[in-house]
C-alpha cells in the first residue's frame, strides 16, 4: 500500500512528465556502433563529430525514419572538451575541433529538419569514457543544455553510486526548472544490481526521470540481446507497475540494422521491445542498414504497438520448452509475441484465456500485414529459431 501511495504522490508531482514522454521515445543513438571514436583524421566517417550527427540527421529524414516516428538524434559520450573541462562560467563545452559550429548551431540544424536534439552526461565527475560530467554542476548543466536547444538528455552513472540519490534528483529538478522542456533519461537503476524488485522505482519517478536504463548495456550480438529479453521476462511483473505515460523502462538500443543479428533476431527485438513499451532508439549506421532490417524498423503496425496510447507495458505470460508468449493490452485490442529462443524451429500456442479473453478474436499478422481470420480460443504457429511471430487481436 505504501509503495502505491508513493508512486501516486510522485506522479502527481510530475504531471508534465506525461506531456514530455506520453509514449516511449524513438530515435537514433551513436554509442552502439560509433562508441568513442575521436580520431577524425583516420576515421572521418565514424568519428564523434559534427559531420556524423548532421549526416545521421539527414539520413533519418531521407530514409523515412523521421516520418515513421524516429524523431531524435542522440549524442552519447565523448562530445565534451577535455581541457579545460569547463569555460570561465563553469559550463561544459563541445570539443571545438570536432564541433566547430557549437551545439546551438547543431541543434538548430536538427530542429530545422524536424528532428529533436539529444545529448549525454553523467552523475559523476567524469563520464564512463573519462570526459567531463555533471556531478556538482547539475543546475548549470541543465541551464546550458536548455540554452543549446536540447530536447532530451541521457544521464549515465560512471561513478560512486552513493551519490545517485542526491545527483539524479538534483539534475531532474534542474531540468524541470530550466527554460526548456527536456526529456530526462536516467541510468540510475542500471547501477543498482540485477534484482529489479529491490530497486527504488518510486525514487526514479520522484526525481522526474521520464525513462530509465534498467540493466546491462546491450552489445551487438544475440547472446546480449537474448539475455536482456530473459531479464525482462523474469522481472516483467515488477517493471510493469512503473511503466506509464511519462516514465518508461528502457532495455537499451535497437540492434536492428546491424549484421550482428539475423533478420529473425531483428524481428524478435522489434516485437519484444514493442510489447514492453520500450523506447525505440536505433543503434546502427543509418547509411548502410540492410533492406530487410529497414523494413522491420519501419513496420508501422509494430511501431503502433510500441506507441499505443494506453501506455500499458506488456509482459511475458508463459514460458515452456516449446517457446514463450508475451502479451500487451492495447487501446483497441491485444498484441501478442510468440518467441522461440531455442536453436530449432518450434510450434508455439497462445491461449486466449491466459489474458482473460473468453470470446472469439480476429487475428492479424503484423509482419505480413495480413488478416488471418477469426479464432475461438487459441492460436498456434510455427516460429523459426530465435524468431518471433507478432500478432494483434481485436474483437471479432
Foldseek 3Di string as FASTA:
>chain_A
DVLVVLLVVLCVVQVCLLVLFVFFAAAAEACQPLNQAQPCVVCVQRHLALVVQLVVLVLCLVVCVVVLRHAEYEYEPHQWDVVVQADPVRETWGDCVRYVPGLLVSQVSNVVSRHAYEYEFECDCADLVGHGHDNVNLQVHLQVCVVSRHAEYEYHYNDDLVCCLVRLLSNLVSNVPHPDHHAYEYANQQPVDLDLVPDSLSSCSSSQHQEYEHHDEAHLADVRVVVLLVSCQVCVVVQQVNWGRSYAYAPYEQNQQDPRDDLQLSQVVLQQCLLQLHYHYHHYRSVRRDPSSSCSSSLSVSVCSSGASRRGHKYWQDQDPQFTKIWHQGPFFIKIKTFAQDQAKGKDKDFPPSVPDQAKWWKAFSSVRGTPGIDGTMDIDIAGHSHITMMTTGHD
